[in-house]
C-alpha atoms as a PDB file:
ATOM      1  CA  MET A   1     -44.067 -13.938  48.034  1.00  0.00           C
ATOM      2  CA  ALA A   2     -45.406 -15.054  51.408  1.00  0.00           C
ATOM      3  CA  ALA A   3     -46.196 -12.372  53.966  1.00  0.00           C
ATOM      4  CA  LEU A   4     -43.389 -11.890  56.469  1.00  0.00           C
ATOM      5  CA  GLU A   5     -43.971 -12.521  60.135  1.00  0.00           C
ATOM      6  CA  LYS A   6     -43.414  -9.645  62.535  1.00  0.00           C
ATOM      7  CA  VAL A   7     -42.578  -8.891  66.137  1.00  0.00           C
ATOM      8  CA  LYS A   8     -43.716  -5.894  68.163  1.00  0.00           C
ATOM      9  CA  ILE A   9     -41.048  -3.987  70.102  1.00  0.00           C
ATOM     10  CA  LEU A  10     -42.191  -1.346  72.576  1.00  0.00           C
ATOM     11  CA  VAL A  11     -39.949   1.723  73.079  1.00  0.00           C
ATOM     12  CA  VAL A  12     -40.628   3.615  76.322  1.00  0.00           C
ATOM     13  CA  GLY A  13     -39.002   6.249  78.521  1.00  0.00           C
ATOM     14  CA  ASP A  14     -39.484   9.815  79.741  1.00  0.00           C
ATOM     15  CA  SER A  15     -40.298  12.658  77.353  1.00  0.00           C
ATOM     16  CA  GLY A  16     -37.233  14.159  75.710  1.00  0.00           C
ATOM     17  CA  VAL A  17     -34.855  11.224  76.231  1.00  0.00           C
ATOM     18  CA  GLY A  18     -34.522  10.656  72.479  1.00  0.00           C
ATOM     19  CA  LYS A  19     -36.770   7.665  71.761  1.00  0.00           C
ATOM     20  CA  THR A  20     -37.879   8.983  68.367  1.00  0.00           C
ATOM     21  CA  SER A  21     -34.300   9.785  67.292  1.00  0.00           C
ATOM     22  CA  LEU A  22     -33.189   6.328  68.396  1.00  0.00           C
ATOM     23  CA  VAL A  23     -35.905   4.510  66.465  1.00  0.00           C
ATOM     24  CA  HIS A  24     -35.258   6.639  63.374  1.00  0.00           C
ATOM     25  CA  HIS A  25     -31.536   5.881  63.629  1.00  0.00           C
ATOM     26  CA  ILE A  26     -32.153   2.138  63.879  1.00  0.00           C
ATOM     27  CA  CYS A  27     -34.722   1.976  61.066  1.00  0.00           C
ATOM     28  CA  HIS A  28     -33.186   4.400  58.570  1.00  0.00           C
ATOM     29  CA  ASN A  29     -29.483   4.573  59.494  1.00  0.00           C
ATOM     30  CA  GLU A  30     -29.679   8.342  59.526  1.00  0.00           C
ATOM     31  CA  THR A  31     -29.962  11.094  62.111  1.00  0.00           C
ATOM     32  CA  LEU A  32     -33.132  13.026  62.853  1.00  0.00           C
ATOM     33  CA  SER A  33     -32.260  16.713  62.991  1.00  0.00           C
ATOM     34  CA  SER A  34     -35.363  18.078  64.734  1.00  0.00           C
ATOM     35  CA  PRO A  35     -37.609  15.381  66.204  1.00  0.00           C
ATOM     36  CA  GLY A  36     -40.989  16.494  67.460  1.00  0.00           C
ATOM     37  CA  TRP A  37     -42.823  15.441  70.590  1.00  0.00           C
ATOM     38  CA  THR A  38     -44.596  12.121  70.204  1.00  0.00           C
ATOM     39  CA  ILE A  39     -48.324  12.301  70.921  1.00  0.00           C
ATOM     40  CA  GLY A  40     -49.847   8.887  71.397  1.00  0.00           C
ATOM     41  CA  CYS A  41     -47.560   6.509  69.530  1.00  0.00           C
ATOM     42  CA  THR A  42     -45.449   6.460  66.376  1.00  0.00           C
ATOM     43  CA  ALA A  43     -44.743   3.104  64.728  1.00  0.00           C
ATOM     44  CA  GLU A  44     -41.889   2.307  62.356  1.00  0.00           C
ATOM     45  CA  VAL A  45     -41.209  -0.987  60.619  1.00  0.00           C
ATOM     46  CA  LYS A  46     -37.823  -2.416  59.704  1.00  0.00           C
ATOM     47  CA  LEU A  47     -36.859  -5.448  57.637  1.00  0.00           C
ATOM     48  CA  TYR A  48     -34.444  -7.585  59.623  1.00  0.00           C
ATOM     49  CA  GLU A  49     -32.427 -10.649  58.600  1.00  0.00           C
ATOM     50  CA  TYR A  50     -32.570 -13.078  61.475  1.00  0.00           C
ATOM     51  CA  ARG A  51     -29.419 -15.200  61.715  1.00  0.00           C
ATOM     52  CA  GLU A  52     -27.976 -13.633  58.582  1.00  0.00           C
ATOM     53  CA  GLY A  53     -25.375 -15.739  56.804  1.00  0.00           C
ATOM     54  CA  THR A  54     -26.511 -19.005  58.380  1.00  0.00           C
ATOM     55  CA  PRO A  55     -28.723 -21.840  57.035  1.00  0.00           C
ATOM     56  CA  GLY A  56     -31.445 -20.665  59.416  1.00  0.00           C
ATOM     57  CA  MET A  57     -31.590 -17.105  58.008  1.00  0.00           C
ATOM     58  CA  LYS A  58     -35.085 -15.688  57.668  1.00  0.00           C
ATOM     59  CA  ASN A  59     -36.544 -12.221  57.135  1.00  0.00           C
ATOM     60  CA  PHE A  60     -38.817 -10.661  59.741  1.00  0.00           C
ATOM     61  CA  PHE A  61     -40.430  -7.280  60.224  1.00  0.00           C
ATOM     62  CA  LEU A  62     -39.433  -5.478  63.404  1.00  0.00           C
ATOM     63  CA  GLU A  63     -42.295  -3.187  64.400  1.00  0.00           C
ATOM     64  CA  PHE A  64     -41.163  -0.413  66.776  1.00  0.00           C
ATOM     65  CA  TRP A  65     -43.859   1.308  68.835  1.00  0.00           C
ATOM     66  CA  ASP A  66     -42.446   4.611  70.087  1.00  0.00           C
ATOM     67  CA  VAL A  67     -44.784   5.609  72.913  1.00  0.00           C
ATOM     68  CA  GLY A  68     -45.042   9.251  74.011  1.00  0.00           C
ATOM     69  CA  GLY A  69     -43.616   9.786  77.492  1.00  0.00           C
ATOM     70  CA  SER A  70     -45.772  12.678  78.688  1.00  0.00           C
ATOM     71  CA  ALA A  71     -47.156  12.146  82.195  1.00  0.00           C
ATOM     72  CA  SER A  72     -50.479  13.597  81.040  1.00  0.00           C
ATOM     73  CA  HIS A  73     -51.030  10.503  78.851  1.00  0.00           C
ATOM     74  CA  GLU A  74     -50.218   7.950  81.543  1.00  0.00           C
ATOM     75  CA  ASN A  75     -53.778   6.699  81.867  1.00  0.00           C
ATOM     76  CA  SER A  76     -54.249   6.116  78.139  1.00  0.00           C
ATOM     77  CA  ARG A  77     -50.899   4.594  77.128  1.00  0.00           C
ATOM     78  CA  SER A  78     -51.886   1.054  78.053  1.00  0.00           C
ATOM     79  CA  ILE A  79     -53.746   0.654  74.743  1.00  0.00           C
ATOM     80  CA  PHE A  80     -50.323   0.342  73.056  1.00  0.00           C
ATOM     81  CA  TYR A  81     -48.982  -2.312  75.420  1.00  0.00           C
ATOM     82  CA  ASN A  82     -50.895  -5.353  74.191  1.00  0.00           C
ATOM     83  CA  GLY A  83     -49.074  -8.122  72.350  1.00  0.00           C
ATOM     84  CA  VAL A  84     -45.557  -6.825  72.986  1.00  0.00           C
ATOM     85  CA  ASN A  85     -42.678  -9.176  72.121  1.00  0.00           C
ATOM     86  CA  GLY A  86     -39.732  -6.980  73.136  1.00  0.00           C
ATOM     87  CA  LEU A  87     -39.086  -3.903  75.277  1.00  0.00           C
ATOM     88  CA  ILE A  88     -36.543  -1.089  74.841  1.00  0.00           C
ATOM     89  CA  LEU A  89     -36.117   1.109  77.927  1.00  0.00           C
ATOM     90  CA  VAL A  90     -34.617   4.483  76.986  1.00  0.00           C
ATOM     91  CA  HIS A  91     -33.048   7.046  79.314  1.00  0.00           C
ATOM     92  CA  ASP A  92     -31.038  10.248  78.918  1.00  0.00           C
ATOM     93  CA  LEU A  93     -27.442   9.923  80.199  1.00  0.00           C
ATOM     94  CA  THR A  94     -27.499  13.603  81.178  1.00  0.00           C
ATOM     95  CA  ASN A  95     -30.709  13.213  83.198  1.00  0.00           C
ATOM     96  CA  LYS A  96     -30.394  10.946  86.251  1.00  0.00           C
ATOM     97  CA  LYS A  97     -34.124  11.047  86.912  1.00  0.00           C
ATOM     98  CA  SER A  98     -34.885   9.581  83.485  1.00  0.00           C
ATOM     99  CA  PHE A  99     -32.940   6.475  84.488  1.00  0.00           C
ATOM    100  CA  THR A 100     -34.566   6.248  87.907  1.00  0.00           C
ATOM    101  CA  ASN A 101     -37.956   6.434  86.180  1.00  0.00           C
ATOM    102  CA  LEU A 102     -37.213   3.303  84.140  1.00  0.00           C
ATOM    103  CA  ARG A 103     -38.474   1.301  87.106  1.00  0.00           C
ATOM    104  CA  ARG A 104     -41.802   3.126  86.897  1.00  0.00           C
ATOM    105  CA  TRP A 105     -41.944   2.439  83.175  1.00  0.00           C
ATOM    106  CA  LEU A 106     -41.401  -1.242  83.895  1.00  0.00           C
ATOM    107  CA  ALA A 107     -44.218  -1.162  86.448  1.00  0.00           C
ATOM    108  CA  GLU A 108     -46.515   0.579  83.973  1.00  0.00           C
ATOM    109  CA  VAL A 109     -45.829  -1.799  81.077  1.00  0.00           C
ATOM    110  CA  LEU A 110     -45.824  -4.973  83.146  1.00  0.00           C
ATOM    111  CA  GLY A 111     -48.942  -3.959  85.049  1.00  0.00           C
ATOM    112  CA  SER A 112     -50.897  -3.266  81.883  1.00  0.00           C
ATOM    113  CA  GLY A 113     -50.299  -6.812  80.706  1.00  0.00           C
ATOM    114  CA  LYS A 114     -52.285  -8.310  83.539  1.00  0.00           C
ATOM    115  CA  GLU A 115     -56.055  -8.389  83.430  1.00  0.00           C
ATOM    116  CA  SER A 116     -55.971  -8.865  87.203  1.00  0.00           C
ATOM    117  CA  VAL A 117     -54.363  -5.484  87.847  1.00  0.00           C
ATOM    118  CA  LEU A 118     -56.652  -3.333  89.994  1.00  0.00           C
ATOM    119  CA  SER A 119     -56.652   0.408  90.310  1.00  0.00           C
ATOM    120  CA  THR A 120     -56.404   0.670  94.096  1.00  0.00           C
ATOM    121  CA  LYS A 121     -54.330  -1.022  96.777  1.00  0.00           C
ATOM    122  CA  GLN A 122     -57.474  -1.805  98.721  1.00  0.00           C
ATOM    123  CA  GLN A 123     -58.783  -3.919  95.831  1.00  0.00           C
ATOM    124  CA  LYS A 124     -55.486  -5.591  94.978  1.00  0.00           C
ATOM    125  CA  GLN A 125     -55.571  -9.393  95.082  1.00  0.00           C
ATOM    126  CA  PRO A 126     -53.012 -12.150  94.340  1.00  0.00           C
ATOM    127  CA  SER A 127     -52.711 -13.231  90.728  1.00  0.00           C
ATOM    128  CA  SER A 128     -53.697 -16.683  89.602  1.00  0.00           C
ATOM    129  CA  PRO A 129     -50.771 -18.911  88.513  1.00  0.00           C
ATOM    130  CA  ASN A 130     -53.146 -20.740  86.152  1.00  0.00           C
ATOM    131  CA  ASN A 131     -53.759 -17.723  83.911  1.00  0.00           C
ATOM    132  CA  LYS A 132     -51.750 -18.874  80.879  1.00  0.00           C
ATOM    133  CA  GLU A 133     -52.799 -15.944  78.715  1.00  0.00           C
ATOM    134  CA  SER A 134     -51.156 -13.372  80.967  1.00  0.00           C
ATOM    135  CA  TRP A 135     -47.740 -11.973  80.037  1.00  0.00           C
ATOM    136  CA  PHE A 136     -46.461 -12.492  83.545  1.00  0.00           C
ATOM    137  CA  GLU A 137     -46.982 -14.727  86.537  1.00  0.00           C
ATOM    138  CA  PHE A 138     -47.524 -11.910  88.999  1.00  0.00           C
ATOM    139  CA  SER A 139     -49.820  -8.984  89.735  1.00  0.00           C
ATOM    140  CA  ILE A 140     -48.595  -5.417  90.108  1.00  0.00           C
ATOM    141  CA  ASP A 141     -50.254  -2.213  91.273  1.00  0.00           C
ATOM    142  CA  MET A 142     -49.915   0.497  88.630  1.00  0.00           C
ATOM    143  CA  GLY A 143     -49.299   3.047  91.373  1.00  0.00           C
ATOM    144  CA  GLU A 144     -46.268   1.199  92.706  1.00  0.00           C
ATOM    145  CA  GLU A 145     -42.722   1.031  91.347  1.00  0.00           C
ATOM    146  CA  TYR A 146     -41.359  -2.120  89.806  1.00  0.00           C
ATOM    147  CA  ASP A 147     -40.013  -4.731  92.218  1.00  0.00           C
ATOM    148  CA  SER A 148     -37.234  -7.093  91.080  1.00  0.00           C
ATOM    149  CA  GLU A 149     -39.018 -10.146  92.482  1.00  0.00           C
ATOM    150  CA  GLN A 150     -42.138  -9.276  90.491  1.00  0.00           C
ATOM    151  CA  PHE A 151     -40.133  -9.396  87.269  1.00  0.00           C
ATOM    152  CA  ALA A 152     -39.114 -13.015  87.843  1.00  0.00           C
ATOM    153  CA  GLY A 153     -41.904 -14.392  85.634  1.00  0.00           C
ATOM    154  CA  ASN A 154     -41.237 -12.082  82.689  1.00  0.00           C
ATOM    155  CA  GLN A 155     -40.603 -13.713  79.322  1.00  0.00           C
ATOM    156  CA  ILE A 156     -40.220 -10.523  77.263  1.00  0.00           C
ATOM    157  CA  PRO A 157     -36.631  -9.643  76.228  1.00  0.00           C
ATOM    158  CA  VAL A 158     -35.498  -6.191  77.403  1.00  0.00           C
ATOM    159  CA  ILE A 159     -32.606  -3.900  76.498  1.00  0.00           C
ATOM    160  CA  ILE A 160     -31.644  -0.628  78.230  1.00  0.00           C
ATOM    161  CA  ILE A 161     -30.367   2.193  76.008  1.00  0.00           C
ATOM    162  CA  GLY A 162     -28.834   5.429  77.266  1.00  0.00           C
ATOM    163  CA  THR A 163     -28.848   8.356  74.829  1.00  0.00           C
ATOM    164  CA  LYS A 164     -26.954  11.667  74.470  1.00  0.00           C
ATOM    165  CA  LEU A 165     -23.590  10.079  75.181  1.00  0.00           C
ATOM    166  CA  ASP A 166     -21.889  13.053  73.521  1.00  0.00           C
ATOM    167  CA  GLN A 167     -23.335  15.378  76.179  1.00  0.00           C
ATOM    168  CA  ALA A 168     -22.695  13.187  79.227  1.00  0.00           C
ATOM    169  CA  GLY A 169     -19.611  13.617  81.389  1.00  0.00           C
ATOM    170  CA  THR A 170     -17.084  10.807  81.814  1.00  0.00           C
ATOM    171  CA  ALA A 171     -17.836  10.500  85.526  1.00  0.00           C
ATOM    172  CA  ARG A 172     -21.514   9.909  84.818  1.00  0.00           C
ATOM    173  CA  ILE A 173     -20.738   7.123  82.363  1.00  0.00           C
ATOM    174  CA  LEU A 174     -18.203   5.419  84.629  1.00  0.00           C
ATOM    175  CA  ASN A 175     -20.517   5.569  87.638  1.00  0.00           C
ATOM    176  CA  SER A 176     -22.949   3.066  86.192  1.00  0.00           C
ATOM    177  CA  SER A 177     -23.432   0.678  89.132  1.00  0.00           C
ATOM    178  CA  ARG A 178     -27.160   1.430  89.247  1.00  0.00           C
ATOM    179  CA  SER A 179     -27.493   0.706  85.548  1.00  0.00           C
ATOM    180  CA  LEU A 180     -25.655  -2.585  85.925  1.00  0.00           C
ATOM    181  CA  HIS A 181     -27.786  -3.521  88.916  1.00  0.00           C
ATOM    182  CA  LEU A 182     -31.061  -2.942  87.054  1.00  0.00           C
ATOM    183  CA  ALA A 183     -29.760  -4.717  83.954  1.00  0.00           C
ATOM    184  CA  GLU A 184     -28.781  -7.758  86.027  1.00  0.00           C
ATOM    185  CA  GLU A 185     -32.153  -7.800  87.792  1.00  0.00           C
ATOM    186  CA  ILE A 186     -34.111  -8.015  84.564  1.00  0.00           C
ATOM    187  CA  GLY A 187     -31.577  -9.899  82.440  1.00  0.00           C
ATOM    188  CA  ALA A 188     -31.090  -6.992  80.042  1.00  0.00           C
ATOM    189  CA  ASP A 189     -28.090  -5.790  78.047  1.00  0.00           C
ATOM    190  CA  MET A 190     -27.093  -2.099  77.986  1.00  0.00           C
ATOM    191  CA  ILE A 191     -26.061   0.325  75.257  1.00  0.00           C
ATOM    192  CA  ASN A 192     -24.937   3.957  75.659  1.00  0.00           C
ATOM    193  CA  LEU A 193     -24.828   5.974  72.455  1.00  0.00           C
ATOM    194  CA  ASN A 194     -25.013   9.266  70.619  1.00  0.00           C
ATOM    195  CA  CYS A 195     -27.943   9.162  68.188  1.00  0.00           C
ATOM    196  CA  THR A 196     -26.391  11.926  66.054  1.00  0.00           C
ATOM    197  CA  ASP A 197     -23.362   9.738  65.228  1.00  0.00           C
ATOM    198  CA  LEU A 198     -24.061   7.243  62.432  1.00  0.00           C
ATOM    199  CA  LYS A 199     -21.017   5.184  63.433  1.00  0.00           C
ATOM    200  CA  GLN A 200     -22.712   4.105  66.671  1.00  0.00           C
ATOM    201  CA  PHE A 201     -24.285   1.091  64.957  1.00  0.00           C
ATOM    202  CA  ASN A 202     -21.578   0.302  62.420  1.00  0.00           C
ATOM    203  CA  PRO A 203     -21.624  -3.370  61.371  1.00  0.00           C
ATOM    204  CA  GLY A 204     -19.371  -5.334  63.675  1.00  0.00           C
ATOM    205  CA  SER A 205     -19.425  -2.730  66.436  1.00  0.00           C
ATOM    206  CA  VAL A 206     -20.271  -3.703  70.017  1.00  0.00           C
ATOM    207  CA  ASN A 207     -23.487  -1.671  69.876  1.00  0.00           C
ATOM    208  CA  ALA A 208     -24.630  -3.334  66.643  1.00  0.00           C
ATOM    209  CA  ARG A 209     -23.901  -6.791  67.989  1.00  0.00           C
ATOM    210  CA  LYS A 210     -25.795  -6.133  71.219  1.00  0.00           C
ATOM    211  CA  LEU A 211     -28.781  -4.771  69.312  1.00  0.00           C
ATOM    212  CA  CYS A 212     -28.816  -7.727  66.922  1.00  0.00           C
ATOM    213  CA  ALA A 213     -28.592 -10.118  69.855  1.00  0.00           C
ATOM    214  CA  PHE A 214     -31.652  -8.411  71.341  1.00  0.00           C
ATOM    215  CA  PHE A 215     -33.595  -8.600  68.058  1.00  0.00           C
ATOM    216  CA  ASP A 216     -32.694 -12.278  67.654  1.00  0.00           C
ATOM    217  CA  LYS A 217     -33.815 -12.987  71.202  1.00  0.00           C
ATOM    218  CA  VAL A 218     -37.157 -11.260  70.588  1.00  0.00           C
ATOM    219  CA  ILE A 219     -37.722 -13.362  67.458  1.00  0.00           C
ATOM    220  CA  GLU A 220     -36.595 -16.573  69.154  1.00  0.00           C
ATOM    221  CA  ARG A 221     -38.882 -16.040  72.130  1.00  0.00           C
ATOM    222  CA  ARG A 222     -41.802 -15.285  69.811  1.00  0.00           C
ATOM    223  CA  PHE A 223     -41.367 -17.995  67.180  1.00  0.00           C
ATOM    224  CA  TYR A 224     -38.725 -20.498  68.288  1.00  0.00           C
ATOM    225  CA  SER A 225     -39.068 -20.755  72.071  1.00  0.00           C
ATOM    226  CA  ARG A 226     -39.719 -24.490  71.834  1.00  0.00           C
ATOM    227  CA  GLU A 227     -36.735 -25.067  69.572  1.00  0.00           C
ATOM    228  CA  VAL A 228     -33.999 -22.836  71.044  1.00  0.00           C
ATOM    229  CA  PRO A 229     -32.796 -23.341  74.649  1.00  0.00           C
ATOM    230  CA  GLN A 230     -33.175 -20.125  76.665  1.00  0.00           C
ATOM    231  CA  GLN A 231     -29.537 -20.208  77.794  1.00  0.00           C
ATOM    232  CA  SER A 232     -28.269 -20.257  74.198  1.00  0.00           C
ATOM    233  CA  PHE A 233     -29.045 -16.596  73.508  1.00  0.00           C
ATOM    234  CA  GLY A 234     -25.813 -14.700  72.907  1.00  0.00           C
ATOM    235  CA  ILE A 235     -24.201 -11.983  70.810  1.00  0.00           C
ATOM    236  CA  ALA A 236     -25.284 -12.228  67.197  1.00  0.00           C
ATOM    237  CA  GLU A 237     -22.554 -13.211  64.751  1.00  0.00           C
ATOM    238  CA  SER A 238     -24.053 -11.207  61.885  1.00  0.00           C
ATOM    239  CA  PRO A 239     -24.608  -7.556  62.825  1.00  0.00           C
ATOM    240  CA  LYS A 240     -26.174  -6.282  59.616  1.00  0.00           C
ATOM    241  CA  PHE A 241     -29.618  -4.869  60.237  1.00  0.00           C
ATOM    242  CA  TYR A 242     -30.040  -1.785  58.094  1.00  0.00           C
ATOM    243  CA  GLU A 243     -32.641  -2.217  55.346  1.00  0.00           C
ATOM    244  CA  ARG A 244     -35.471  -0.218  53.858  1.00  0.00           C
ATOM    245  CA  SER A 245     -38.225   0.562  56.312  1.00  0.00           C
ATOM    246  CA  SER A 246     -41.717   1.991  56.190  1.00  0.00           C
ATOM    247  CA  LYS A 247     -43.372   4.347  58.631  1.00  0.00           C
ATOM    248  CA  ARG A 248     -46.850   5.021  59.922  1.00  0.00           C
ATOM    249  CA  LYS A 249     -48.235   7.102  62.778  1.00  0.00           C
ATOM    250  CA  MET A 250     -50.960   6.419  65.278  1.00  0.00           C
ATOM    251  CA  VAL A 251     -52.557   8.919  67.647  1.00  0.00           C
END
């Protein structure tokens, strides 16, 4: 059997927002009763059927890199950001600041992908449009927040996931104009869920379809970008994505 190709999906957000529980839910279709704090990065791998039920169906490994959100590790996290094919931004629906900080997470991840990023504003210089090996066509100062115009050159699919839906008030969920604004800026879809409820990703559900659409987009951008028109990405018709997965940890 030929080795399966894989894509790397980065999972970032503040400490305590539920990144580890989310990844465990996606990979194992089960809840995680007492998740610990992630130090460094934890990686989990999931077998995914791309375009299931169609002539173009093919198996891929989805490799989730759950990066610890502690501020004390900010200067060392960039070692996990190389070669990313997809990005999951996670925030806590009961913690407004965790959503506001998603812009800083974008700045951190996007900035680390540019070799031209400099550590001080005094040294900052314009990026070269001829650098084809860069993730993005712009330069960003790691000390600054993400700017919507700077994201224009991004080719990495993004999805925004809000956790702890069971603990969030109705008013907080309905007042989601900021979430919609950010999602529109970066071309991302949004999911709000309760990671302790296994029905959140039931086959055929809106959440499952959105997540599958994101996974398909990651795979298409990585392996089929020359074959599939960018505007054709939509909701996946086949929402099944739960299979056996393996786990490994990195510190």
